[in-house]
Amino acid sequence: MATTSINPRITAGSGIASAAEIRAAFAENREELMWLAEFLSDDLLTASACVTDARDLMENNKEEEICSECLQAWTREAIVRSVLDLKRTRIAALSSTYELEDVVCRQPQPMSSSTVDLVVRESDIVCMRLDSLCRFAVVLCGFEQRSADQAARFLGVSKHAVEAAYSRALEILEVIYCQTVLESYGLAVA
């Protein structure tokens, strides 16, 4: 997972990506994009449909010009938006639960590369333990380094819900990390 910001700006002199370049970007990054879609949706079939949907939307989008240099970030953005379209109702429902949690309101920090590696390596376990809102918070705040405000606007929930979900995700990731360390030393976790 790259940590560049989603929704990059077009820079002066940037070439505009053609439909063929968009298809090529999806083909070249298929594994990463499928992982992202499956992580967010927690379903392989849904993930595959979201990747196809995202590619088609980007190819047919005549309103926004996508610079060739920003193509990889835009492909991730399109995947996140496609999965969000399917998960929006669930995320809204979960956000009301997170609204009730007491959290020390602090700006979420980007994840370290070792934590990102843990999420990718243990994604099956992480998906089982994190709900949809937590997984989106991990991607938006942890991987893509968005602020809680930006992630909240993107998801259509409150900043507090994003902060609480991200905090919960970090706590669960810490437990998963400890379990993997214990298992690597041959100590079974009961």
N, C-alpha and C. Protein backbone atom coordinates (compact mmCIF):
# COMPACT_ATOMS: atom_id res chain seq x y z
N MET A 1 0.83 -1.16 0.00
CA MET A 1 0.00 0.00 0.00
C MET A 1 0.88 1.24 0.00
N ALA A 2 0.67 2.10 -0.91
CA ALA A 2 1.42 3.35 -0.94
C ALA A 2 0.77 4.32 0.04
N THR A 3 1.50 5.29 0.47
CA THR A 3 0.94 6.22 1.44
C THR A 3 0.73 7.59 0.85
N THR A 4 0.63 7.69 -0.46
CA THR A 4 0.35 8.99 -1.05
C THR A 4 -1.08 9.37 -0.76
N SER A 5 -1.33 10.63 -0.76
CA SER A 5 -2.67 11.14 -0.45
C SER A 5 -3.62 10.86 -1.61
N ILE A 6 -4.85 10.52 -1.27
CA ILE A 6 -5.87 10.32 -2.29
C ILE A 6 -6.31 11.67 -2.81
N ASN A 7 -6.77 11.69 -4.04
CA ASN A 7 -7.30 12.88 -4.69
C ASN A 7 -6.22 13.92 -4.96
N PRO A 8 -5.12 13.52 -5.59
CA PRO A 8 -4.03 14.45 -5.87
C PRO A 8 -4.46 15.52 -6.87
N ARG A 9 -3.78 16.63 -6.84
CA ARG A 9 -4.08 17.73 -7.75
C ARG A 9 -3.30 17.53 -9.06
N ILE A 10 -3.89 18.03 -10.11
CA ILE A 10 -3.21 18.00 -11.40
C ILE A 10 -2.16 19.11 -11.38
N THR A 11 -0.96 18.78 -11.78
CA THR A 11 0.10 19.77 -11.79
C THR A 11 0.28 20.31 -13.20
N ALA A 12 0.86 21.47 -13.28
CA ALA A 12 1.11 22.06 -14.58
C ALA A 12 1.99 21.13 -15.40
N GLY A 13 1.64 20.95 -16.63
CA GLY A 13 2.44 20.09 -17.50
C GLY A 13 2.10 18.62 -17.39
N SER A 14 1.13 18.27 -16.54
CA SER A 14 0.74 16.87 -16.40
C SER A 14 0.00 16.43 -17.64
N GLY A 15 0.32 15.23 -18.08
CA GLY A 15 -0.44 14.65 -19.18
C GLY A 15 -1.72 14.07 -18.63
N ILE A 16 -2.79 14.17 -19.41
CA ILE A 16 -4.08 13.62 -18.99
C ILE A 16 -4.12 12.16 -19.39
N ALA A 17 -4.51 11.31 -18.45
CA ALA A 17 -4.52 9.86 -18.68
C ALA A 17 -5.62 9.49 -19.67
N SER A 18 -5.27 8.63 -20.60
CA SER A 18 -6.24 8.13 -21.56
C SER A 18 -6.93 6.90 -20.98
N ALA A 19 -8.00 6.46 -21.65
CA ALA A 19 -8.70 5.25 -21.22
C ALA A 19 -7.75 4.05 -21.23
N ALA A 20 -6.86 3.99 -22.20
CA ALA A 20 -5.90 2.88 -22.27
C ALA A 20 -4.94 2.92 -21.09
N GLU A 21 -4.51 4.12 -20.69
CA GLU A 21 -3.62 4.25 -19.53
C GLU A 21 -4.34 3.86 -18.24
N ILE A 22 -5.61 4.20 -18.16
CA ILE A 22 -6.40 3.84 -16.98
C ILE A 22 -6.52 2.32 -16.89
N ARG A 23 -6.86 1.67 -18.02
CA ARG A 23 -6.96 0.20 -18.04
C ARG A 23 -5.62 -0.42 -17.66
N ALA A 24 -4.54 0.14 -18.18
CA ALA A 24 -3.19 -0.39 -17.88
C ALA A 24 -2.87 -0.23 -16.40
N ALA A 25 -3.24 0.91 -15.81
CA ALA A 25 -2.98 1.13 -14.38
C ALA A 25 -3.74 0.11 -13.54
N PHE A 26 -4.97 -0.19 -13.91
CA PHE A 26 -5.75 -1.20 -13.18
C PHE A 26 -5.15 -2.58 -13.37
N ALA A 27 -4.68 -2.87 -14.58
CA ALA A 27 -4.08 -4.19 -14.84
C ALA A 27 -2.76 -4.34 -14.09
N GLU A 28 -1.92 -3.32 -14.12
CA GLU A 28 -0.61 -3.38 -13.47
C GLU A 28 -0.73 -3.46 -11.95
N ASN A 29 -1.75 -2.84 -11.40
CA ASN A 29 -1.93 -2.78 -9.94
C ASN A 29 -3.08 -3.65 -9.48
N ARG A 30 -3.48 -4.61 -10.29
CA ARG A 30 -4.67 -5.43 -9.99
C ARG A 30 -4.59 -6.09 -8.61
N GLU A 31 -3.45 -6.67 -8.28
CA GLU A 31 -3.32 -7.37 -7.00
C GLU A 31 -3.53 -6.41 -5.82
N GLU A 32 -2.88 -5.26 -5.86
CA GLU A 32 -3.02 -4.27 -4.79
C GLU A 32 -4.46 -3.75 -4.73
N LEU A 33 -5.05 -3.47 -5.88
CA LEU A 33 -6.41 -2.93 -5.90
C LEU A 33 -7.43 -3.97 -5.44
N MET A 34 -7.22 -5.23 -5.83
CA MET A 34 -8.11 -6.30 -5.35
C MET A 34 -7.97 -6.46 -3.84
N TRP A 35 -6.74 -6.39 -3.34
CA TRP A 35 -6.54 -6.49 -1.90
C TRP A 35 -7.32 -5.37 -1.19
N LEU A 36 -7.16 -4.15 -1.69
CA LEU A 36 -7.83 -3.00 -1.08
C LEU A 36 -9.35 -3.18 -1.10
N ALA A 37 -9.89 -3.57 -2.25
CA ALA A 37 -11.35 -3.75 -2.35
C ALA A 37 -11.82 -4.88 -1.46
N GLU A 38 -11.07 -5.97 -1.40
CA GLU A 38 -11.47 -7.08 -0.55
C GLU A 38 -11.34 -6.72 0.93
N PHE A 39 -10.30 -5.99 1.29
CA PHE A 39 -10.13 -5.55 2.67
C PHE A 39 -11.30 -4.68 3.11
N LEU A 40 -11.70 -3.74 2.27
CA LEU A 40 -12.79 -2.84 2.63
C LEU A 40 -14.16 -3.51 2.59
N SER A 41 -14.36 -4.39 1.63
CA SER A 41 -15.68 -5.02 1.47
C SER A 41 -15.82 -6.31 2.26
N ASP A 42 -14.70 -6.95 2.57
CA ASP A 42 -14.67 -8.24 3.26
C ASP A 42 -15.40 -9.32 2.46
N ASP A 43 -15.30 -9.22 1.12
CA ASP A 43 -15.95 -10.20 0.26
C ASP A 43 -15.26 -10.19 -1.11
N LEU A 44 -14.79 -11.35 -1.53
CA LEU A 44 -14.04 -11.45 -2.79
C LEU A 44 -14.89 -11.09 -4.00
N LEU A 45 -16.11 -11.58 -4.07
CA LEU A 45 -16.97 -11.30 -5.21
C LEU A 45 -17.30 -9.81 -5.29
N THR A 46 -17.63 -9.23 -4.16
CA THR A 46 -17.90 -7.79 -4.12
C THR A 46 -16.66 -7.00 -4.52
N ALA A 47 -15.51 -7.44 -4.04
CA ALA A 47 -14.26 -6.75 -4.36
C ALA A 47 -14.01 -6.75 -5.86
N SER A 48 -14.20 -7.89 -6.48
CA SER A 48 -14.00 -7.99 -7.93
C SER A 48 -14.95 -7.05 -8.68
N ALA A 49 -16.20 -7.01 -8.26
CA ALA A 49 -17.18 -6.13 -8.90
C ALA A 49 -16.79 -4.66 -8.69
N CYS A 50 -16.28 -4.32 -7.51
CA CYS A 50 -15.88 -2.94 -7.23
C CYS A 50 -14.68 -2.52 -8.06
N VAL A 51 -13.75 -3.41 -8.27
CA VAL A 51 -12.59 -3.09 -9.12
C VAL A 51 -13.05 -2.81 -10.54
N THR A 52 -13.92 -3.66 -11.05
CA THR A 52 -14.45 -3.46 -12.40
C THR A 52 -15.23 -2.15 -12.48
N ASP A 53 -16.08 -1.91 -11.49
CA ASP A 53 -16.89 -0.69 -11.44
C ASP A 53 -15.98 0.55 -11.40
N ALA A 54 -14.97 0.52 -10.56
CA ALA A 54 -14.06 1.67 -10.42
C ALA A 54 -13.34 1.95 -11.73
N ARG A 55 -12.86 0.90 -12.38
CA ARG A 55 -12.15 1.07 -13.66
C ARG A 55 -13.09 1.67 -14.70
N ASP A 56 -14.31 1.12 -14.80
CA ASP A 56 -15.27 1.62 -15.79
C ASP A 56 -15.64 3.07 -15.53
N LEU A 57 -15.84 3.42 -14.26
CA LEU A 57 -16.17 4.81 -13.93
C LEU A 57 -15.04 5.76 -14.29
N MET A 58 -13.81 5.34 -14.01
CA MET A 58 -12.67 6.20 -14.35
C MET A 58 -12.52 6.36 -15.86
N GLU A 59 -12.70 5.27 -16.60
CA GLU A 59 -12.58 5.34 -18.06
C GLU A 59 -13.64 6.24 -18.68
N ASN A 60 -14.85 6.20 -18.12
CA ASN A 60 -15.97 6.93 -18.70
C ASN A 60 -16.18 8.31 -18.11
N ASN A 61 -15.38 8.69 -17.12
CA ASN A 61 -15.54 9.99 -16.46
C ASN A 61 -14.97 11.08 -17.36
N LYS A 62 -15.86 11.88 -17.89
CA LYS A 62 -15.44 12.97 -18.78
C LYS A 62 -15.34 14.30 -18.04
N GLU A 63 -15.81 14.32 -16.78
CA GLU A 63 -15.86 15.58 -16.03
C GLU A 63 -14.54 15.90 -15.35
N GLU A 64 -13.82 14.89 -14.88
CA GLU A 64 -12.56 15.13 -14.18
C GLU A 64 -11.41 14.65 -15.04
N GLU A 65 -10.43 15.49 -15.17
CA GLU A 65 -9.23 15.10 -15.90
C GLU A 65 -8.26 14.46 -14.91
N ILE A 66 -7.77 13.30 -15.24
CA ILE A 66 -6.87 12.56 -14.37
C ILE A 66 -5.47 12.63 -14.95
N CYS A 67 -4.55 13.19 -14.19
CA CYS A 67 -3.19 13.31 -14.69
C CYS A 67 -2.50 11.95 -14.65
N SER A 68 -1.69 11.70 -15.65
CA SER A 68 -0.99 10.42 -15.75
C SER A 68 -0.14 10.14 -14.52
N GLU A 69 0.50 11.17 -13.95
CA GLU A 69 1.36 11.00 -12.80
C GLU A 69 0.58 10.62 -11.55
N CYS A 70 -0.71 10.95 -11.52
CA CYS A 70 -1.54 10.71 -10.33
C CYS A 70 -2.40 9.46 -10.47
N LEU A 71 -2.21 8.72 -11.53
CA LEU A 71 -3.10 7.62 -11.86
C LEU A 71 -3.20 6.56 -10.77
N GLN A 72 -2.08 6.19 -10.17
CA GLN A 72 -2.12 5.15 -9.14
C GLN A 72 -2.96 5.59 -7.94
N ALA A 73 -2.80 6.82 -7.50
CA ALA A 73 -3.60 7.31 -6.38
C ALA A 73 -5.07 7.39 -6.76
N TRP A 74 -5.36 7.78 -7.99
CA TRP A 74 -6.75 7.87 -8.44
C TRP A 74 -7.39 6.48 -8.52
N THR A 75 -6.62 5.47 -8.89
CA THR A 75 -7.21 4.12 -8.94
C THR A 75 -7.62 3.68 -7.54
N ARG A 76 -6.79 3.96 -6.55
CA ARG A 76 -7.15 3.63 -5.15
C ARG A 76 -8.38 4.42 -4.72
N GLU A 77 -8.41 5.70 -5.07
CA GLU A 77 -9.56 6.54 -4.74
C GLU A 77 -10.84 5.95 -5.33
N ALA A 78 -10.77 5.52 -6.57
CA ALA A 78 -11.95 4.95 -7.24
C ALA A 78 -12.41 3.66 -6.55
N ILE A 79 -11.46 2.83 -6.12
CA ILE A 79 -11.80 1.59 -5.40
C ILE A 79 -12.49 1.92 -4.09
N VAL A 80 -11.92 2.83 -3.33
CA VAL A 80 -12.49 3.20 -2.03
C VAL A 80 -13.91 3.74 -2.22
N ARG A 81 -14.10 4.60 -3.22
CA ARG A 81 -15.43 5.15 -3.48
C ARG A 81 -16.42 4.06 -3.90
N SER A 82 -15.98 3.14 -4.71
CA SER A 82 -16.88 2.07 -5.18
C SER A 82 -17.34 1.20 -4.01
N VAL A 83 -16.40 0.80 -3.15
CA VAL A 83 -16.78 -0.01 -1.99
C VAL A 83 -17.65 0.81 -1.04
N LEU A 84 -17.30 2.08 -0.85
CA LEU A 84 -18.09 2.94 0.03
C LEU A 84 -19.54 3.04 -0.44
N ASP A 85 -19.75 3.10 -1.74
CA ASP A 85 -21.12 3.15 -2.25
C ASP A 85 -21.94 1.96 -1.75
N LEU A 86 -21.30 0.80 -1.64
CA LEU A 86 -22.00 -0.41 -1.18
C LEU A 86 -22.10 -0.47 0.35
N LYS A 87 -21.18 0.14 1.05
CA LYS A 87 -21.11 0.02 2.51
C LYS A 87 -21.64 1.25 3.26
N ARG A 88 -22.11 2.24 2.53
CA ARG A 88 -22.50 3.51 3.16
C ARG A 88 -23.55 3.34 4.26
N THR A 89 -24.56 2.51 4.03
CA THR A 89 -25.61 2.30 5.04
C THR A 89 -25.04 1.65 6.29
N ARG A 90 -24.18 0.64 6.10
CA ARG A 90 -23.56 -0.04 7.25
C ARG A 90 -22.66 0.91 8.02
N ILE A 91 -21.90 1.74 7.32
CA ILE A 91 -21.01 2.68 7.98
C ILE A 91 -21.80 3.71 8.77
N ALA A 92 -22.90 4.17 8.21
CA ALA A 92 -23.76 5.13 8.93
C ALA A 92 -24.30 4.50 10.21
N ALA A 93 -24.71 3.25 10.14
CA ALA A 93 -25.22 2.56 11.32
C ALA A 93 -24.13 2.39 12.38
N LEU A 94 -22.95 2.00 11.93
CA LEU A 94 -21.83 1.82 12.87
C LEU A 94 -21.41 3.15 13.49
N SER A 95 -21.48 4.22 12.73
CA SER A 95 -21.02 5.51 13.26
C SER A 95 -21.82 5.92 14.49
N SER A 96 -23.11 5.59 14.53
CA SER A 96 -23.90 5.96 15.71
C SER A 96 -23.41 5.22 16.95
N THR A 97 -22.90 4.01 16.78
CA THR A 97 -22.32 3.27 17.90
C THR A 97 -21.03 3.95 18.36
N TYR A 98 -20.19 4.35 17.42
CA TYR A 98 -18.93 4.99 17.78
C TYR A 98 -19.14 6.38 18.37
N GLU A 99 -20.25 7.01 18.06
CA GLU A 99 -20.57 8.31 18.66
C GLU A 99 -20.67 8.22 20.17
N LEU A 100 -21.06 7.05 20.67
CA LEU A 100 -21.27 6.86 22.10
C LEU A 100 -19.97 6.57 22.86
N GLU A 101 -18.91 6.28 22.15
CA GLU A 101 -17.64 5.93 22.80
C GLU A 101 -16.89 7.16 23.25
N ASP A 102 -16.33 7.05 24.45
CA ASP A 102 -15.44 8.09 24.95
C ASP A 102 -14.07 7.86 24.35
N VAL A 103 -13.61 8.85 23.67
CA VAL A 103 -12.28 8.76 23.05
C VAL A 103 -11.58 10.07 23.33
N VAL A 104 -10.31 9.96 23.62
CA VAL A 104 -9.53 11.18 23.70
C VAL A 104 -9.42 11.67 22.27
N CYS A 105 -10.11 12.76 21.97
CA CYS A 105 -10.14 13.25 20.59
C CYS A 105 -8.77 13.78 20.21
N ARG A 106 -8.11 13.02 19.37
CA ARG A 106 -6.80 13.44 18.87
C ARG A 106 -6.75 13.10 17.40
N GLN A 107 -5.94 13.83 16.70
CA GLN A 107 -5.80 13.62 15.28
C GLN A 107 -5.17 12.25 15.03
N PRO A 108 -5.83 11.38 14.24
CA PRO A 108 -5.22 10.08 13.93
C PRO A 108 -3.87 10.25 13.24
N GLN A 109 -2.93 9.43 13.67
CA GLN A 109 -1.60 9.46 13.09
C GLN A 109 -1.51 8.41 11.99
N PRO A 110 -0.74 8.69 10.93
CA PRO A 110 -0.54 7.68 9.90
C PRO A 110 0.10 6.43 10.51
N MET A 111 -0.16 5.30 9.91
CA MET A 111 0.41 4.04 10.41
C MET A 111 1.86 3.92 9.99
N SER A 112 2.63 3.29 10.86
CA SER A 112 4.01 2.99 10.51
C SER A 112 4.03 1.93 9.43
N SER A 113 5.13 1.82 8.72
CA SER A 113 5.21 0.81 7.66
C SER A 113 5.10 -0.60 8.24
N SER A 114 5.56 -0.82 9.47
CA SER A 114 5.44 -2.15 10.06
C SER A 114 3.98 -2.48 10.38
N THR A 115 3.19 -1.48 10.77
CA THR A 115 1.78 -1.71 11.03
C THR A 115 1.03 -1.96 9.73
N VAL A 116 1.37 -1.21 8.69
CA VAL A 116 0.76 -1.43 7.37
C VAL A 116 1.09 -2.86 6.91
N ASP A 117 2.34 -3.28 7.07
CA ASP A 117 2.73 -4.64 6.70
C ASP A 117 1.93 -5.68 7.48
N LEU A 118 1.71 -5.43 8.77
CA LEU A 118 0.92 -6.34 9.60
C LEU A 118 -0.51 -6.44 9.06
N VAL A 119 -1.11 -5.31 8.72
CA VAL A 119 -2.48 -5.31 8.19
C VAL A 119 -2.55 -6.12 6.90
N VAL A 120 -1.59 -5.92 6.03
CA VAL A 120 -1.58 -6.64 4.75
C VAL A 120 -1.33 -8.13 4.98
N ARG A 121 -0.34 -8.44 5.78
CA ARG A 121 0.04 -9.84 6.02
C ARG A 121 -1.05 -10.61 6.75
N GLU A 122 -1.70 -9.99 7.69
CA GLU A 122 -2.72 -10.64 8.51
C GLU A 122 -4.12 -10.15 8.15
N SER A 123 -4.34 -9.79 6.89
CA SER A 123 -5.61 -9.15 6.51
C SER A 123 -6.83 -10.02 6.77
N ASP A 124 -6.71 -11.34 6.68
CA ASP A 124 -7.87 -12.19 6.98
C ASP A 124 -8.30 -12.03 8.44
N ILE A 125 -7.32 -12.05 9.35
CA ILE A 125 -7.61 -11.89 10.77
C ILE A 125 -8.11 -10.47 11.05
N VAL A 126 -7.45 -9.49 10.43
CA VAL A 126 -7.83 -8.10 10.64
C VAL A 126 -9.27 -7.87 10.18
N CYS A 127 -9.64 -8.42 9.02
CA CYS A 127 -11.02 -8.26 8.53
C CYS A 127 -12.03 -8.89 9.46
N MET A 128 -11.67 -10.03 10.04
CA MET A 128 -12.60 -10.68 10.97
C MET A 128 -12.82 -9.85 12.23
N ARG A 129 -11.82 -9.10 12.64
CA ARG A 129 -11.89 -8.38 13.91
C ARG A 129 -12.30 -6.91 13.79
N LEU A 130 -12.17 -6.36 12.59
CA LEU A 130 -12.54 -4.95 12.41
C LEU A 130 -13.83 -4.84 11.62
N ASP A 131 -14.71 -3.96 12.06
CA ASP A 131 -15.93 -3.71 11.30
C ASP A 131 -15.62 -2.79 10.11
N SER A 132 -16.63 -2.53 9.31
CA SER A 132 -16.45 -1.73 8.09
C SER A 132 -15.90 -0.34 8.37
N LEU A 133 -16.44 0.34 9.37
CA LEU A 133 -15.98 1.69 9.66
C LEU A 133 -14.52 1.69 10.10
N CYS A 134 -14.14 0.72 10.91
CA CYS A 134 -12.74 0.61 11.32
C CYS A 134 -11.82 0.38 10.12
N ARG A 135 -12.24 -0.49 9.21
CA ARG A 135 -11.40 -0.77 8.03
C ARG A 135 -11.26 0.47 7.15
N PHE A 136 -12.34 1.21 6.96
CA PHE A 136 -12.24 2.45 6.18
C PHE A 136 -11.35 3.46 6.90
N ALA A 137 -11.44 3.56 8.22
CA ALA A 137 -10.59 4.47 8.98
C ALA A 137 -9.13 4.08 8.85
N VAL A 138 -8.84 2.78 8.87
CA VAL A 138 -7.47 2.30 8.69
C VAL A 138 -6.93 2.74 7.33
N VAL A 139 -7.73 2.56 6.29
CA VAL A 139 -7.27 2.92 4.95
C VAL A 139 -7.13 4.43 4.80
N LEU A 140 -8.15 5.17 5.19
CA LEU A 140 -8.14 6.62 4.97
C LEU A 140 -7.16 7.35 5.88
N CYS A 141 -7.20 7.06 7.18
CA CYS A 141 -6.34 7.77 8.13
C CYS A 141 -4.96 7.13 8.26
N GLY A 142 -4.92 5.80 8.29
CA GLY A 142 -3.65 5.11 8.50
C GLY A 142 -2.80 4.99 7.26
N PHE A 143 -3.39 4.52 6.17
CA PHE A 143 -2.63 4.31 4.94
C PHE A 143 -2.51 5.59 4.13
N GLU A 144 -3.64 6.25 3.90
CA GLU A 144 -3.68 7.40 3.00
C GLU A 144 -3.40 8.73 3.69
N GLN A 145 -3.27 8.70 5.01
CA GLN A 145 -2.87 9.86 5.81
C GLN A 145 -3.84 11.03 5.73
N ARG A 146 -5.12 10.72 5.65
CA ARG A 146 -6.12 11.78 5.70
C ARG A 146 -6.35 12.17 7.16
N SER A 147 -6.76 13.40 7.37
CA SER A 147 -7.13 13.83 8.72
C SER A 147 -8.48 13.21 9.07
N ALA A 148 -8.82 13.24 10.35
CA ALA A 148 -10.12 12.73 10.79
C ALA A 148 -11.25 13.53 10.14
N ASP A 149 -11.06 14.85 10.00
CA ASP A 149 -12.08 15.68 9.33
C ASP A 149 -12.27 15.26 7.88
N GLN A 150 -11.17 15.07 7.16
CA GLN A 150 -11.27 14.66 5.76
C GLN A 150 -11.93 13.29 5.63
N ALA A 151 -11.54 12.36 6.46
CA ALA A 151 -12.13 11.02 6.41
C ALA A 151 -13.61 11.07 6.76
N ALA A 152 -13.97 11.88 7.73
CA ALA A 152 -15.37 12.01 8.14
C ALA A 152 -16.22 12.57 7.00
N ARG A 153 -15.73 13.61 6.34
CA ARG A 153 -16.47 14.18 5.21
C ARG A 153 -16.60 13.15 4.09
N PHE A 154 -15.53 12.43 3.81
CA PHE A 154 -15.53 11.42 2.76
C PHE A 154 -16.55 10.32 3.06
N LEU A 155 -16.60 9.88 4.31
CA LEU A 155 -17.48 8.78 4.71
C LEU A 155 -18.91 9.24 5.04
N GLY A 156 -19.09 10.52 5.28
CA GLY A 156 -20.41 11.03 5.64
C GLY A 156 -20.77 10.75 7.09
N VAL A 157 -19.76 10.72 7.96
CA VAL A 157 -19.98 10.49 9.39
C VAL A 157 -19.26 11.60 10.16
N SER A 158 -19.38 11.57 11.48
CA SER A 158 -18.74 12.60 12.30
C SER A 158 -17.24 12.33 12.48
N LYS A 159 -16.53 13.39 12.79
CA LYS A 159 -15.10 13.28 13.09
C LYS A 159 -14.90 12.37 14.31
N HIS A 160 -15.77 12.50 15.31
CA HIS A 160 -15.66 11.68 16.52
C HIS A 160 -15.78 10.19 16.18
N ALA A 161 -16.72 9.85 15.29
CA ALA A 161 -16.90 8.45 14.90
C ALA A 161 -15.64 7.91 14.22
N VAL A 162 -15.03 8.72 13.37
CA VAL A 162 -13.79 8.30 12.69
C VAL A 162 -12.67 8.11 13.72
N GLU A 163 -12.52 9.07 14.63
CA GLU A 163 -11.47 8.97 15.64
C GLU A 163 -11.68 7.74 16.53
N ALA A 164 -12.92 7.49 16.92
CA ALA A 164 -13.21 6.33 17.77
C ALA A 164 -12.97 5.03 17.02
N ALA A 165 -13.38 4.96 15.77
CA ALA A 165 -13.18 3.75 14.97
C ALA A 165 -11.69 3.51 14.73
N TYR A 166 -10.95 4.57 14.44
CA TYR A 166 -9.51 4.43 14.21
C TYR A 166 -8.79 4.00 15.49
N SER A 167 -9.19 4.58 16.61
CA SER A 167 -8.60 4.19 17.90
C SER A 167 -8.88 2.72 18.20
N ARG A 168 -10.12 2.30 17.98
CA ARG A 168 -10.48 0.89 18.19
C ARG A 168 -9.64 0.00 17.27
N ALA A 169 -9.50 0.40 16.01
CA ALA A 169 -8.71 -0.39 15.06
C ALA A 169 -7.27 -0.53 15.52
N LEU A 170 -6.68 0.56 16.00
CA LEU A 170 -5.29 0.49 16.47
C LEU A 170 -5.16 -0.42 17.68
N GLU A 171 -6.13 -0.40 18.57
CA GLU A 171 -6.11 -1.30 19.73
C GLU A 171 -6.16 -2.76 19.28
N ILE A 172 -7.03 -3.05 18.35
CA ILE A 172 -7.17 -4.42 17.85
C ILE A 172 -5.92 -4.85 17.09
N LEU A 173 -5.34 -3.94 16.32
CA LEU A 173 -4.10 -4.27 15.60
C LEU A 173 -2.96 -4.56 16.57
N GLU A 174 -2.94 -3.86 17.69
CA GLU A 174 -1.91 -4.12 18.71
C GLU A 174 -2.07 -5.53 19.28
N VAL A 175 -3.31 -5.96 19.52
CA VAL A 175 -3.58 -7.31 20.00
C VAL A 175 -3.15 -8.34 18.95
N ILE A 176 -3.48 -8.10 17.70
CA ILE A 176 -3.09 -9.02 16.62
C ILE A 176 -1.57 -9.10 16.54
N TYR A 177 -0.90 -7.97 16.65
CA TYR A 177 0.57 -7.96 16.62
C TYR A 177 1.13 -8.82 17.76
N CYS A 178 0.61 -8.63 18.96
CA CYS A 178 1.09 -9.41 20.11
C CYS A 178 0.85 -10.91 19.91
N GLN A 179 -0.29 -11.26 19.35
CA GLN A 179 -0.58 -12.66 19.08
C GLN A 179 0.39 -13.25 18.06
N THR A 180 0.71 -12.49 17.03
CA THR A 180 1.65 -13.01 16.02
C THR A 180 3.05 -13.17 16.60
N VAL A 181 3.44 -12.26 17.49
CA VAL A 181 4.75 -12.38 18.13
C VAL A 181 4.79 -13.63 19.00
N LEU A 182 3.75 -13.82 19.81
CA LEU A 182 3.69 -15.01 20.66
C LEU A 182 3.71 -16.29 19.83
N GLU A 183 2.97 -16.31 18.75
CA GLU A 183 2.93 -17.48 17.88
C GLU A 183 4.28 -17.74 17.23
N SER A 184 5.01 -16.67 16.91
CA SER A 184 6.32 -16.85 16.28
C SER A 184 7.32 -17.48 17.26
N TYR A 185 7.06 -17.31 18.55
CA TYR A 185 7.91 -17.94 19.57
C TYR A 185 7.38 -19.28 20.02
N GLY A 186 6.34 -19.77 19.32
CA GLY A 186 5.79 -21.08 19.61
C GLY A 186 4.85 -21.10 20.80
N LEU A 187 4.43 -19.95 21.26
CA LEU A 187 3.50 -19.87 22.38
C LEU A 187 2.09 -19.72 21.82
N ALA A 188 1.29 -20.72 21.97
CA ALA A 188 -0.08 -20.68 21.47
C ALA A 188 -0.90 -19.71 22.30
N VAL A 189 -1.72 -18.95 21.62
CA VAL A 189 -2.61 -18.01 22.30
C VAL A 189 -3.94 -18.73 22.52
N ALA A 190 -4.35 -18.78 23.77
CA ALA A 190 -5.61 -19.50 24.09
C ALA A 190 -6.80 -18.68 23.77
